[in-house]
N, C-alpha and C. Protein backbone atom coordinates (compact mmCIF):
# COMPACT_ATOMS: atom_id res chain seq x y z
N MET A 1 14.66 11.94 -14.01
CA MET A 1 13.96 11.57 -12.78
C MET A 1 13.22 10.24 -12.95
N LYS A 2 13.33 9.40 -11.93
CA LYS A 2 12.57 8.16 -11.90
C LYS A 2 11.18 8.46 -11.35
N GLU A 3 10.17 7.84 -11.93
CA GLU A 3 8.80 8.03 -11.45
C GLU A 3 8.26 6.71 -10.91
N ILE A 4 7.69 6.77 -9.71
CA ILE A 4 7.18 5.58 -9.04
C ILE A 4 5.71 5.80 -8.72
N TYR A 5 4.86 4.97 -9.30
CA TYR A 5 3.42 5.04 -9.06
C TYR A 5 3.10 4.04 -7.95
N ILE A 6 2.82 4.55 -6.76
CA ILE A 6 2.52 3.69 -5.61
C ILE A 6 1.01 3.68 -5.41
N ILE A 7 0.39 2.50 -5.50
CA ILE A 7 -1.06 2.42 -5.29
C ILE A 7 -1.40 1.39 -4.22
N ARG A 8 -2.52 1.62 -3.58
CA ARG A 8 -3.07 0.64 -2.66
C ARG A 8 -3.91 -0.35 -3.47
N HIS A 9 -3.99 -1.58 -2.99
CA HIS A 9 -4.79 -2.61 -3.68
C HIS A 9 -6.27 -2.23 -3.72
N GLY A 10 -7.01 -2.91 -4.59
CA GLY A 10 -8.46 -2.72 -4.68
C GLY A 10 -9.19 -3.34 -3.49
N GLU A 11 -10.48 -3.06 -3.41
CA GLU A 11 -11.27 -3.51 -2.26
C GLU A 11 -11.42 -5.02 -2.20
N THR A 12 -11.37 -5.55 -0.96
CA THR A 12 -11.70 -6.95 -0.70
C THR A 12 -12.99 -6.97 0.12
N GLU A 13 -13.54 -8.15 0.28
CA GLU A 13 -14.79 -8.25 1.05
C GLU A 13 -14.57 -7.84 2.50
N LEU A 14 -13.39 -8.17 3.06
CA LEU A 14 -13.11 -7.77 4.44
C LEU A 14 -12.95 -6.26 4.55
N ASN A 15 -12.34 -5.62 3.53
CA ASN A 15 -12.31 -4.14 3.51
C ASN A 15 -13.73 -3.60 3.62
N ARG A 16 -14.62 -4.16 2.82
CA ARG A 16 -15.99 -3.66 2.78
C ARG A 16 -16.65 -3.78 4.14
N GLN A 17 -16.32 -4.84 4.86
CA GLN A 17 -16.93 -5.09 6.17
C GLN A 17 -16.20 -4.38 7.31
N GLY A 18 -15.11 -3.67 6.98
CA GLY A 18 -14.36 -2.97 8.03
C GLY A 18 -13.56 -3.90 8.91
N ILE A 19 -13.19 -5.08 8.36
CA ILE A 19 -12.42 -6.06 9.13
C ILE A 19 -10.95 -5.99 8.70
N VAL A 20 -10.06 -5.94 9.67
CA VAL A 20 -8.63 -5.85 9.38
C VAL A 20 -8.10 -7.17 8.83
N GLN A 21 -7.34 -7.08 7.74
CA GLN A 21 -6.76 -8.29 7.14
C GLN A 21 -5.31 -8.46 7.58
N GLY A 22 -4.51 -7.42 7.35
CA GLY A 22 -3.11 -7.51 7.73
C GLY A 22 -2.33 -8.46 6.85
N ARG A 23 -1.17 -8.83 7.36
CA ARG A 23 -0.24 -9.66 6.58
C ARG A 23 -0.68 -11.12 6.53
N GLY A 24 -1.47 -11.52 7.51
CA GLY A 24 -1.77 -12.95 7.66
C GLY A 24 -3.00 -13.43 6.91
N ILE A 25 -3.76 -12.52 6.31
CA ILE A 25 -4.97 -12.94 5.57
C ILE A 25 -4.80 -12.59 4.10
N ASN A 26 -4.82 -13.64 3.28
CA ASN A 26 -4.51 -13.48 1.86
C ASN A 26 -5.80 -13.48 1.04
N SER A 27 -6.55 -12.40 1.14
CA SER A 27 -7.89 -12.36 0.54
C SER A 27 -7.87 -11.87 -0.91
N ASP A 28 -8.94 -12.20 -1.62
CA ASP A 28 -9.11 -11.78 -3.02
C ASP A 28 -9.83 -10.45 -3.10
N LEU A 29 -9.68 -9.78 -4.24
CA LEU A 29 -10.51 -8.60 -4.52
C LEU A 29 -11.97 -9.02 -4.64
N ASN A 30 -12.88 -8.13 -4.25
CA ASN A 30 -14.30 -8.37 -4.51
C ASN A 30 -14.69 -7.68 -5.84
N ASP A 31 -15.97 -7.67 -6.16
CA ASP A 31 -16.41 -7.10 -7.44
C ASP A 31 -16.01 -5.63 -7.56
N LEU A 32 -16.20 -4.88 -6.48
CA LEU A 32 -15.83 -3.47 -6.52
C LEU A 32 -14.32 -3.32 -6.68
N GLY A 33 -13.56 -4.16 -5.98
CA GLY A 33 -12.11 -4.12 -6.11
C GLY A 33 -11.65 -4.38 -7.53
N ARG A 34 -12.30 -5.31 -8.20
CA ARG A 34 -11.95 -5.60 -9.60
C ARG A 34 -12.33 -4.42 -10.50
N ALA A 35 -13.45 -3.77 -10.19
CA ALA A 35 -13.85 -2.58 -10.96
C ALA A 35 -12.86 -1.44 -10.75
N GLN A 36 -12.38 -1.27 -9.51
CA GLN A 36 -11.37 -0.24 -9.22
C GLN A 36 -10.07 -0.53 -9.99
N ALA A 37 -9.68 -1.80 -9.99
CA ALA A 37 -8.47 -2.20 -10.70
C ALA A 37 -8.60 -1.92 -12.20
N GLU A 38 -9.76 -2.22 -12.75
CA GLU A 38 -10.01 -1.97 -14.17
C GLU A 38 -9.98 -0.47 -14.46
N ALA A 39 -10.58 0.31 -13.57
CA ALA A 39 -10.59 1.78 -13.76
C ALA A 39 -9.16 2.33 -13.73
N PHE A 40 -8.34 1.81 -12.82
CA PHE A 40 -6.94 2.26 -12.75
C PHE A 40 -6.21 1.88 -14.05
N TYR A 41 -6.44 0.65 -14.49
CA TYR A 41 -5.78 0.19 -15.72
C TYR A 41 -6.18 1.06 -16.91
N GLN A 42 -7.45 1.34 -17.05
CA GLN A 42 -7.90 2.12 -18.21
C GLN A 42 -7.31 3.53 -18.19
N THR A 43 -7.09 4.08 -17.00
CA THR A 43 -6.56 5.44 -16.88
C THR A 43 -5.05 5.49 -17.11
N TYR A 44 -4.34 4.42 -16.73
CA TYR A 44 -2.87 4.47 -16.74
C TYR A 44 -2.21 3.46 -17.69
N LYS A 45 -3.00 2.78 -18.52
CA LYS A 45 -2.41 1.76 -19.39
C LYS A 45 -1.47 2.37 -20.44
N HIS A 46 -1.59 3.68 -20.69
CA HIS A 46 -0.72 4.33 -21.68
C HIS A 46 0.68 4.60 -21.13
N ILE A 47 0.86 4.47 -19.81
CA ILE A 47 2.17 4.73 -19.20
C ILE A 47 3.10 3.55 -19.52
N ALA A 48 4.30 3.88 -19.96
CA ALA A 48 5.27 2.83 -20.32
C ALA A 48 6.05 2.38 -19.07
N PHE A 49 5.41 1.56 -18.26
CA PHE A 49 6.08 1.07 -17.05
C PHE A 49 7.21 0.11 -17.43
N ASP A 50 8.33 0.25 -16.71
CA ASP A 50 9.45 -0.66 -16.92
C ASP A 50 9.39 -1.86 -16.00
N LYS A 51 8.69 -1.71 -14.86
CA LYS A 51 8.69 -2.78 -13.86
C LYS A 51 7.48 -2.64 -12.97
N ILE A 52 6.98 -3.79 -12.50
CA ILE A 52 5.89 -3.84 -11.53
C ILE A 52 6.43 -4.51 -10.26
N TYR A 53 6.13 -3.90 -9.13
CA TYR A 53 6.42 -4.52 -7.84
C TYR A 53 5.11 -4.68 -7.07
N THR A 54 4.92 -5.83 -6.43
CA THR A 54 3.77 -6.03 -5.54
C THR A 54 4.27 -6.69 -4.25
N SER A 55 3.38 -6.77 -3.27
CA SER A 55 3.69 -7.55 -2.08
C SER A 55 3.51 -9.03 -2.40
N ASP A 56 3.66 -9.87 -1.39
CA ASP A 56 3.43 -11.31 -1.56
C ASP A 56 1.96 -11.69 -1.47
N LEU A 57 1.10 -10.72 -1.19
CA LEU A 57 -0.33 -11.00 -0.98
C LEU A 57 -1.12 -10.75 -2.26
N LYS A 58 -1.99 -11.69 -2.60
CA LYS A 58 -2.58 -11.70 -3.94
C LYS A 58 -3.48 -10.50 -4.23
N ARG A 59 -4.00 -9.85 -3.20
CA ARG A 59 -4.85 -8.67 -3.48
C ARG A 59 -4.06 -7.56 -4.18
N THR A 60 -2.73 -7.55 -4.00
CA THR A 60 -1.94 -6.54 -4.71
C THR A 60 -1.74 -6.92 -6.17
N TRP A 61 -1.37 -8.16 -6.43
CA TRP A 61 -1.14 -8.46 -7.84
C TRP A 61 -2.42 -8.62 -8.63
N GLN A 62 -3.52 -8.99 -7.97
CA GLN A 62 -4.81 -8.99 -8.67
C GLN A 62 -5.17 -7.57 -9.13
N THR A 63 -4.78 -6.56 -8.36
CA THR A 63 -5.09 -5.17 -8.68
C THR A 63 -4.36 -4.72 -9.95
N VAL A 64 -3.16 -5.22 -10.17
CA VAL A 64 -2.37 -4.79 -11.35
C VAL A 64 -2.24 -5.92 -12.37
N GLN A 65 -3.19 -6.88 -12.31
CA GLN A 65 -3.09 -8.07 -13.15
C GLN A 65 -3.02 -7.75 -14.65
N LYS A 66 -3.78 -6.76 -15.09
CA LYS A 66 -3.78 -6.45 -16.53
C LYS A 66 -2.43 -5.89 -16.98
N PHE A 67 -1.75 -5.17 -16.11
CA PHE A 67 -0.40 -4.71 -16.44
C PHE A 67 0.56 -5.91 -16.50
N ILE A 68 0.39 -6.84 -15.55
CA ILE A 68 1.22 -8.06 -15.55
C ILE A 68 0.95 -8.87 -16.81
N ASP A 69 -0.33 -8.95 -17.20
CA ASP A 69 -0.70 -9.72 -18.39
C ASP A 69 -0.11 -9.14 -19.67
N SER A 70 0.24 -7.86 -19.64
CA SER A 70 0.86 -7.26 -20.83
C SER A 70 2.37 -7.54 -20.88
N GLU A 71 2.78 -8.50 -20.03
CA GLU A 71 4.15 -9.05 -20.03
C GLU A 71 5.21 -8.07 -19.56
N LEU A 72 4.80 -7.16 -18.68
CA LEU A 72 5.79 -6.30 -18.02
C LEU A 72 6.53 -7.11 -16.96
N PRO A 73 7.81 -6.82 -16.74
CA PRO A 73 8.54 -7.51 -15.68
C PRO A 73 7.87 -7.25 -14.32
N TRP A 74 7.75 -8.32 -13.52
CA TRP A 74 7.02 -8.24 -12.25
C TRP A 74 7.82 -8.94 -11.17
N GLU A 75 7.91 -8.29 -10.02
CA GLU A 75 8.64 -8.88 -8.90
C GLU A 75 7.83 -8.70 -7.62
N LYS A 76 7.73 -9.78 -6.84
CA LYS A 76 7.07 -9.70 -5.53
C LYS A 76 8.13 -9.42 -4.47
N LEU A 77 7.83 -8.48 -3.58
CA LEU A 77 8.72 -8.16 -2.47
C LEU A 77 7.94 -8.30 -1.16
N SER A 78 8.36 -9.25 -0.33
CA SER A 78 7.64 -9.47 0.93
C SER A 78 7.73 -8.25 1.84
N GLY A 79 8.75 -7.41 1.63
CA GLY A 79 8.87 -6.18 2.40
C GLY A 79 7.68 -5.25 2.23
N LEU A 80 6.96 -5.39 1.11
CA LEU A 80 5.80 -4.53 0.83
C LEU A 80 4.51 -5.05 1.46
N ASP A 81 4.57 -6.21 2.14
CA ASP A 81 3.36 -6.77 2.76
C ASP A 81 2.75 -5.80 3.77
N GLU A 82 1.46 -6.01 4.02
CA GLU A 82 0.78 -5.20 5.03
C GLU A 82 1.33 -5.49 6.42
N LEU A 83 1.17 -4.53 7.32
CA LEU A 83 1.50 -4.73 8.73
C LEU A 83 0.71 -5.92 9.27
N ALA A 84 1.36 -6.77 10.04
CA ALA A 84 0.68 -7.90 10.67
C ALA A 84 -0.02 -7.42 11.94
N TRP A 85 -1.34 -7.56 11.97
CA TRP A 85 -2.13 -7.09 13.12
C TRP A 85 -2.32 -8.20 14.16
N GLY A 86 -1.64 -9.32 13.97
CA GLY A 86 -1.63 -10.37 14.99
C GLY A 86 -3.01 -10.91 15.30
N VAL A 87 -3.33 -10.95 16.60
CA VAL A 87 -4.56 -11.60 17.07
C VAL A 87 -5.83 -10.95 16.52
N TRP A 88 -5.73 -9.72 15.98
CA TRP A 88 -6.94 -9.03 15.51
C TRP A 88 -7.24 -9.27 14.04
N GLU A 89 -6.37 -9.98 13.34
CA GLU A 89 -6.61 -10.18 11.90
C GLU A 89 -7.86 -11.04 11.68
N GLY A 90 -8.74 -10.54 10.83
CA GLY A 90 -9.93 -11.30 10.47
C GLY A 90 -11.04 -11.29 11.52
N LYS A 91 -10.82 -10.57 12.63
CA LYS A 91 -11.84 -10.55 13.69
C LYS A 91 -12.96 -9.56 13.33
N PRO A 92 -14.19 -9.85 13.77
CA PRO A 92 -15.32 -8.97 13.46
C PRO A 92 -15.07 -7.53 13.93
N ASN A 93 -15.68 -6.60 13.22
CA ASN A 93 -15.52 -5.17 13.51
C ASN A 93 -16.43 -4.77 14.67
N THR A 94 -16.02 -5.19 15.88
CA THR A 94 -16.83 -4.93 17.09
C THR A 94 -16.33 -3.67 17.78
N GLU A 95 -17.07 -3.25 18.80
CA GLU A 95 -16.65 -2.09 19.59
C GLU A 95 -15.31 -2.36 20.27
N ASP A 96 -15.12 -3.60 20.77
CA ASP A 96 -13.84 -3.98 21.40
C ASP A 96 -12.69 -3.84 20.41
N ALA A 97 -12.92 -4.32 19.18
CA ALA A 97 -11.88 -4.24 18.15
C ALA A 97 -11.57 -2.77 17.86
N ARG A 98 -12.61 -1.97 17.70
CA ARG A 98 -12.38 -0.55 17.38
C ARG A 98 -11.63 0.16 18.50
N ASP A 99 -11.96 -0.18 19.77
CA ASP A 99 -11.25 0.40 20.91
C ASP A 99 -9.77 0.01 20.89
N ALA A 100 -9.51 -1.28 20.62
CA ALA A 100 -8.13 -1.77 20.60
C ALA A 100 -7.31 -1.04 19.52
N PHE A 101 -7.92 -0.86 18.37
CA PHE A 101 -7.20 -0.18 17.28
C PHE A 101 -7.01 1.30 17.58
N ARG A 102 -8.02 1.92 18.17
CA ARG A 102 -7.87 3.34 18.54
C ARG A 102 -6.69 3.52 19.51
N GLU A 103 -6.60 2.61 20.47
CA GLU A 103 -5.50 2.69 21.45
C GLU A 103 -4.14 2.49 20.78
N MET A 104 -4.08 1.53 19.87
CA MET A 104 -2.81 1.26 19.18
C MET A 104 -2.41 2.46 18.32
N LEU A 105 -3.36 3.01 17.58
CA LEU A 105 -3.06 4.17 16.73
C LEU A 105 -2.61 5.36 17.59
N GLN A 106 -3.21 5.48 18.76
CA GLN A 106 -2.83 6.57 19.67
C GLN A 106 -1.40 6.36 20.17
N SER A 107 -1.04 5.11 20.47
CA SER A 107 0.34 4.82 20.90
C SER A 107 1.33 5.26 19.84
N TRP A 108 1.03 4.93 18.58
CA TRP A 108 1.94 5.31 17.49
C TRP A 108 1.99 6.83 17.34
N GLU A 109 0.83 7.44 17.44
CA GLU A 109 0.76 8.90 17.33
C GLU A 109 1.61 9.58 18.42
N ASN A 110 1.65 8.91 19.59
CA ASN A 110 2.42 9.44 20.72
C ASN A 110 3.91 9.11 20.64
N GLY A 111 4.29 8.41 19.57
CA GLY A 111 5.71 8.13 19.38
C GLY A 111 6.18 6.77 19.86
N ASP A 112 5.26 5.92 20.32
CA ASP A 112 5.64 4.56 20.72
C ASP A 112 5.54 3.63 19.51
N TYR A 113 6.56 3.69 18.65
CA TYR A 113 6.50 2.98 17.37
C TYR A 113 6.72 1.48 17.50
N THR A 114 7.12 1.02 18.69
CA THR A 114 7.33 -0.43 18.88
C THR A 114 6.09 -1.12 19.44
N ALA A 115 5.05 -0.34 19.74
CA ALA A 115 3.79 -0.95 20.23
C ALA A 115 3.21 -1.86 19.15
N HIS A 116 2.71 -3.02 19.57
CA HIS A 116 2.12 -3.96 18.61
C HIS A 116 1.15 -4.90 19.33
N PHE A 117 0.26 -5.49 18.55
CA PHE A 117 -0.65 -6.50 19.11
C PHE A 117 0.08 -7.84 19.22
N GLU A 118 -0.43 -8.68 20.10
CA GLU A 118 0.15 -10.02 20.26
C GLU A 118 0.19 -10.75 18.91
N GLY A 119 1.36 -11.27 18.59
CA GLY A 119 1.52 -11.99 17.33
C GLY A 119 1.65 -11.10 16.10
N GLY A 120 1.68 -9.79 16.32
CA GLY A 120 1.72 -8.86 15.19
C GLY A 120 3.02 -8.06 15.12
N GLU A 121 3.02 -7.08 14.23
CA GLU A 121 4.18 -6.22 14.03
C GLU A 121 3.89 -4.81 14.51
N SER A 122 4.95 -4.10 14.86
CA SER A 122 4.84 -2.67 15.14
C SER A 122 5.08 -1.90 13.85
N VAL A 123 4.77 -0.61 13.87
CA VAL A 123 5.08 0.19 12.67
C VAL A 123 6.59 0.30 12.48
N GLN A 124 7.36 0.21 13.58
CA GLN A 124 8.82 0.23 13.45
C GLN A 124 9.31 -1.01 12.70
N ASP A 125 8.70 -2.18 12.99
CA ASP A 125 9.04 -3.42 12.27
C ASP A 125 8.81 -3.24 10.77
N VAL A 126 7.67 -2.66 10.42
CA VAL A 126 7.33 -2.47 9.00
C VAL A 126 8.28 -1.47 8.36
N TYR A 127 8.57 -0.40 9.08
CA TYR A 127 9.52 0.62 8.60
C TYR A 127 10.87 -0.03 8.26
N GLU A 128 11.33 -0.93 9.13
CA GLU A 128 12.63 -1.57 8.90
C GLU A 128 12.60 -2.47 7.67
N ARG A 129 11.52 -3.25 7.50
CA ARG A 129 11.50 -4.16 6.34
C ARG A 129 11.23 -3.44 5.02
N LEU A 130 10.66 -2.22 5.12
CA LEU A 130 10.43 -1.44 3.90
C LEU A 130 11.71 -0.79 3.38
N LYS A 131 12.78 -0.83 4.17
CA LYS A 131 14.05 -0.28 3.69
C LYS A 131 14.58 -1.07 2.50
N GLN A 132 14.29 -2.37 2.46
CA GLN A 132 14.77 -3.17 1.32
C GLN A 132 14.09 -2.75 0.01
N PRO A 133 12.74 -2.64 -0.03
CA PRO A 133 12.13 -2.11 -1.26
C PRO A 133 12.63 -0.72 -1.63
N MET A 134 12.86 0.15 -0.63
CA MET A 134 13.37 1.48 -0.93
C MET A 134 14.73 1.40 -1.60
N GLU A 135 15.61 0.55 -1.08
CA GLU A 135 16.95 0.42 -1.66
C GLU A 135 16.88 -0.15 -3.08
N ILE A 136 15.96 -1.07 -3.30
CA ILE A 136 15.77 -1.63 -4.65
C ILE A 136 15.37 -0.52 -5.62
N LEU A 137 14.44 0.34 -5.21
CA LEU A 137 14.03 1.46 -6.06
C LEU A 137 15.21 2.38 -6.36
N LYS A 138 16.04 2.60 -5.37
CA LYS A 138 17.18 3.51 -5.54
C LYS A 138 18.29 2.90 -6.40
N SER A 139 18.40 1.58 -6.37
CA SER A 139 19.58 0.93 -6.97
C SER A 139 19.35 0.44 -8.40
N ARG A 140 18.18 0.72 -8.96
CA ARG A 140 17.89 0.23 -10.32
C ARG A 140 17.50 1.41 -11.22
N PRO A 141 18.47 2.25 -11.58
CA PRO A 141 18.18 3.45 -12.37
C PRO A 141 17.61 3.13 -13.75
N GLU A 142 17.87 1.90 -14.24
CA GLU A 142 17.36 1.54 -15.56
C GLU A 142 15.83 1.39 -15.56
N GLU A 143 15.25 1.20 -14.37
CA GLU A 143 13.79 1.15 -14.26
C GLU A 143 13.29 2.58 -14.05
N LYS A 144 13.00 3.24 -15.15
CA LYS A 144 12.68 4.68 -15.10
C LYS A 144 11.27 4.94 -14.57
N THR A 145 10.35 4.05 -14.91
CA THR A 145 8.95 4.25 -14.53
C THR A 145 8.44 2.95 -13.92
N VAL A 146 8.03 3.03 -12.66
CA VAL A 146 7.72 1.83 -11.88
C VAL A 146 6.29 1.91 -11.35
N LEU A 147 5.60 0.76 -11.36
CA LEU A 147 4.28 0.64 -10.74
C LEU A 147 4.42 -0.27 -9.53
N LEU A 148 3.99 0.21 -8.37
CA LEU A 148 4.17 -0.53 -7.13
C LEU A 148 2.83 -0.60 -6.41
N CYS A 149 2.35 -1.82 -6.14
CA CYS A 149 1.05 -1.99 -5.48
C CYS A 149 1.25 -2.61 -4.11
N MET A 150 0.69 -1.94 -3.08
CA MET A 150 0.88 -2.42 -1.72
C MET A 150 -0.38 -2.21 -0.88
N HIS A 151 -0.23 -1.93 0.41
CA HIS A 151 -1.34 -1.96 1.36
C HIS A 151 -1.42 -0.65 2.14
N GLY A 152 -2.60 -0.38 2.69
CA GLY A 152 -2.88 0.92 3.31
C GLY A 152 -1.91 1.35 4.40
N ARG A 153 -1.82 0.56 5.48
CA ARG A 153 -0.96 0.96 6.59
C ARG A 153 0.51 0.93 6.17
N ALA A 154 0.90 -0.12 5.46
CA ALA A 154 2.29 -0.21 5.00
C ALA A 154 2.63 0.95 4.06
N MET A 155 1.67 1.39 3.26
CA MET A 155 1.90 2.50 2.34
C MET A 155 2.16 3.79 3.11
N ARG A 156 1.42 4.01 4.17
CA ARG A 156 1.64 5.20 5.00
C ARG A 156 3.05 5.18 5.61
N VAL A 157 3.45 4.00 6.08
CA VAL A 157 4.80 3.86 6.66
C VAL A 157 5.85 4.10 5.58
N PHE A 158 5.62 3.54 4.38
CA PHE A 158 6.57 3.66 3.27
C PHE A 158 6.74 5.13 2.86
N LEU A 159 5.65 5.86 2.81
CA LEU A 159 5.74 7.28 2.43
C LEU A 159 6.52 8.07 3.47
N CYS A 160 6.34 7.75 4.75
CA CYS A 160 7.17 8.39 5.80
C CYS A 160 8.64 8.06 5.58
N LEU A 161 8.93 6.80 5.29
CA LEU A 161 10.31 6.38 5.06
C LEU A 161 10.92 7.11 3.86
N LEU A 162 10.21 7.12 2.74
CA LEU A 162 10.73 7.74 1.52
C LEU A 162 10.96 9.24 1.70
N LEU A 163 10.09 9.88 2.46
CA LEU A 163 10.15 11.34 2.60
C LEU A 163 10.88 11.80 3.86
N GLY A 164 11.40 10.83 4.65
CA GLY A 164 12.14 11.19 5.84
C GLY A 164 11.29 11.80 6.93
N LYS A 165 10.02 11.40 6.99
CA LYS A 165 9.11 11.95 8.01
C LYS A 165 9.02 10.99 9.21
N PRO A 166 8.78 11.51 10.40
CA PRO A 166 8.58 10.62 11.55
C PRO A 166 7.27 9.84 11.39
N LEU A 167 7.25 8.66 12.00
CA LEU A 167 6.09 7.78 11.82
C LEU A 167 4.80 8.34 12.41
N ASN A 168 4.91 9.28 13.35
CA ASN A 168 3.65 9.82 13.88
C ASN A 168 2.98 10.78 12.91
N GLU A 169 3.59 10.98 11.73
CA GLU A 169 2.94 11.76 10.67
C GLU A 169 2.27 10.88 9.61
N MET A 170 2.18 9.57 9.88
CA MET A 170 1.52 8.64 8.95
C MET A 170 0.13 9.10 8.55
N THR A 171 -0.58 9.68 9.52
CA THR A 171 -1.99 10.05 9.27
C THR A 171 -2.11 11.16 8.24
N GLU A 172 -0.99 11.80 7.90
CA GLU A 172 -1.04 12.86 6.88
C GLU A 172 -1.20 12.29 5.47
N PHE A 173 -1.14 10.96 5.35
CA PHE A 173 -1.29 10.33 4.03
C PHE A 173 -2.60 9.56 3.98
N PRO A 174 -3.70 10.23 3.58
CA PRO A 174 -4.98 9.53 3.47
C PRO A 174 -4.90 8.49 2.35
N HIS A 175 -5.77 7.52 2.43
CA HIS A 175 -5.79 6.53 1.34
C HIS A 175 -7.16 5.87 1.25
N GLN A 176 -7.47 5.41 0.06
CA GLN A 176 -8.62 4.54 -0.16
C GLN A 176 -8.14 3.47 -1.14
N ASN A 177 -9.01 2.54 -1.45
CA ASN A 177 -8.58 1.46 -2.35
C ASN A 177 -8.22 2.00 -3.73
N THR A 178 -7.07 1.61 -4.22
CA THR A 178 -6.43 1.97 -5.51
C THR A 178 -6.00 3.43 -5.60
N VAL A 179 -5.96 4.15 -4.47
CA VAL A 179 -5.48 5.53 -4.53
C VAL A 179 -4.01 5.54 -4.94
N LEU A 180 -3.62 6.63 -5.61
CA LEU A 180 -2.26 6.75 -6.17
C LEU A 180 -1.46 7.84 -5.47
N TYR A 181 -0.25 7.49 -5.08
CA TYR A 181 0.78 8.47 -4.72
C TYR A 181 1.89 8.33 -5.76
N LYS A 182 2.06 9.35 -6.58
CA LYS A 182 3.11 9.31 -7.59
C LYS A 182 4.34 10.02 -7.03
N MET A 183 5.45 9.30 -7.00
CA MET A 183 6.67 9.82 -6.40
C MET A 183 7.75 10.01 -7.47
N GLY A 184 8.59 11.00 -7.24
CA GLY A 184 9.77 11.18 -8.08
C GLY A 184 11.01 10.79 -7.28
N LEU A 185 12.01 10.27 -7.97
CA LEU A 185 13.30 9.95 -7.33
C LEU A 185 14.41 10.54 -8.18
N GLU A 186 15.14 11.47 -7.60
CA GLU A 186 16.23 12.13 -8.31
C GLU A 186 17.38 12.39 -7.33
N ASP A 187 18.58 11.98 -7.73
CA ASP A 187 19.77 12.16 -6.87
C ASP A 187 19.53 11.58 -5.47
N GLY A 188 18.87 10.43 -5.42
CA GLY A 188 18.66 9.75 -4.15
C GLY A 188 17.58 10.33 -3.27
N LYS A 189 16.85 11.34 -3.78
CA LYS A 189 15.83 12.02 -2.97
C LYS A 189 14.44 11.80 -3.56
N PHE A 190 13.51 11.43 -2.70
CA PHE A 190 12.12 11.20 -3.11
C PHE A 190 11.28 12.46 -2.91
N THR A 191 10.42 12.74 -3.87
CA THR A 191 9.47 13.85 -3.76
C THR A 191 8.09 13.37 -4.17
N VAL A 192 7.06 14.07 -3.71
CA VAL A 192 5.68 13.73 -4.08
C VAL A 192 5.30 14.50 -5.34
N LEU A 193 4.94 13.77 -6.39
CA LEU A 193 4.49 14.39 -7.65
C LEU A 193 2.97 14.47 -7.72
N GLU A 194 2.30 13.44 -7.17
CA GLU A 194 0.83 13.46 -7.08
C GLU A 194 0.45 12.89 -5.72
N PHE A 195 -0.45 13.57 -5.03
CA PHE A 195 -0.80 13.23 -3.65
C PHE A 195 -2.22 12.69 -3.58
N ASN A 196 -2.35 11.42 -3.16
CA ASN A 196 -3.69 10.86 -2.89
C ASN A 196 -4.64 11.04 -4.07
N SER A 197 -4.18 10.68 -5.25
CA SER A 197 -4.98 10.88 -6.46
C SER A 197 -5.94 9.72 -6.70
N ALA A 198 -7.20 10.04 -6.92
CA ALA A 198 -8.20 9.00 -7.22
C ALA A 198 -9.00 9.39 -8.46
N VAL A 199 -8.37 10.13 -9.37
CA VAL A 199 -9.10 10.59 -10.57
C VAL A 199 -9.65 9.42 -11.37
N HIS A 200 -8.95 8.28 -11.33
CA HIS A 200 -9.41 7.11 -12.09
C HIS A 200 -10.73 6.56 -11.55
N LEU A 201 -11.08 6.93 -10.33
CA LEU A 201 -12.33 6.44 -9.73
C LEU A 201 -13.52 7.36 -9.99
N ASP A 202 -13.26 8.53 -10.60
CA ASP A 202 -14.36 9.44 -10.95
C ASP A 202 -15.34 8.72 -11.87
N GLY A 203 -16.59 8.74 -11.49
CA GLY A 203 -17.59 8.11 -12.35
C GLY A 203 -17.78 6.63 -12.10
N LEU A 204 -16.90 6.03 -11.27
CA LEU A 204 -17.07 4.61 -10.95
C LEU A 204 -18.24 4.49 -9.98
N VAL A 205 -19.20 3.66 -10.32
CA VAL A 205 -20.37 3.52 -9.46
C VAL A 205 -20.00 2.62 -8.29
N ILE A 206 -20.07 3.16 -7.08
CA ILE A 206 -19.74 2.40 -5.89
C ILE A 206 -21.05 2.04 -5.18
N GLU A 207 -21.29 0.75 -5.13
CA GLU A 207 -22.57 0.27 -4.55
C GLU A 207 -22.59 0.56 -3.05
């Protein structure tokens, strides 16, 4: 069985402020994000990863930088980028913004997967581009143990894709920064081995 460790990136300053970044904002980890990344590394550095995959956005590779520094093979896949939130990226976390996002999430929950903000992507768009990373995982059996770092909303879409679930079940996959979903791949079928694991964050002081 192939094992795939899928994690969300560590915290950025915009995460802390509740501001949506999306695909268009290429922000750095903040101090807490770096501490989360270090905690993940210390917990999982004994795993013999064959390959690292990240999105094109630096908050993902900053999160797994110590694994990259140990000279593991690393590949960026733009398919793993966060959903583009269009006109709302980087905007203050106002009541208007929260209302707009609530409405959009409700549209997706109701099955309108093509709904999107101006200049942004729908969850269906993200689902389609995530098929390429999925095929890469399936087509490289020599990579037995893989570490993959991506983004919150895209991760929820990816888990639906891997498990054959409809997109309105995205909310069944909770996440926080650096949370782990460990997946198995055997005979072309993905299964969940660890669900929403944050054991590496136990004892981490969060300001």
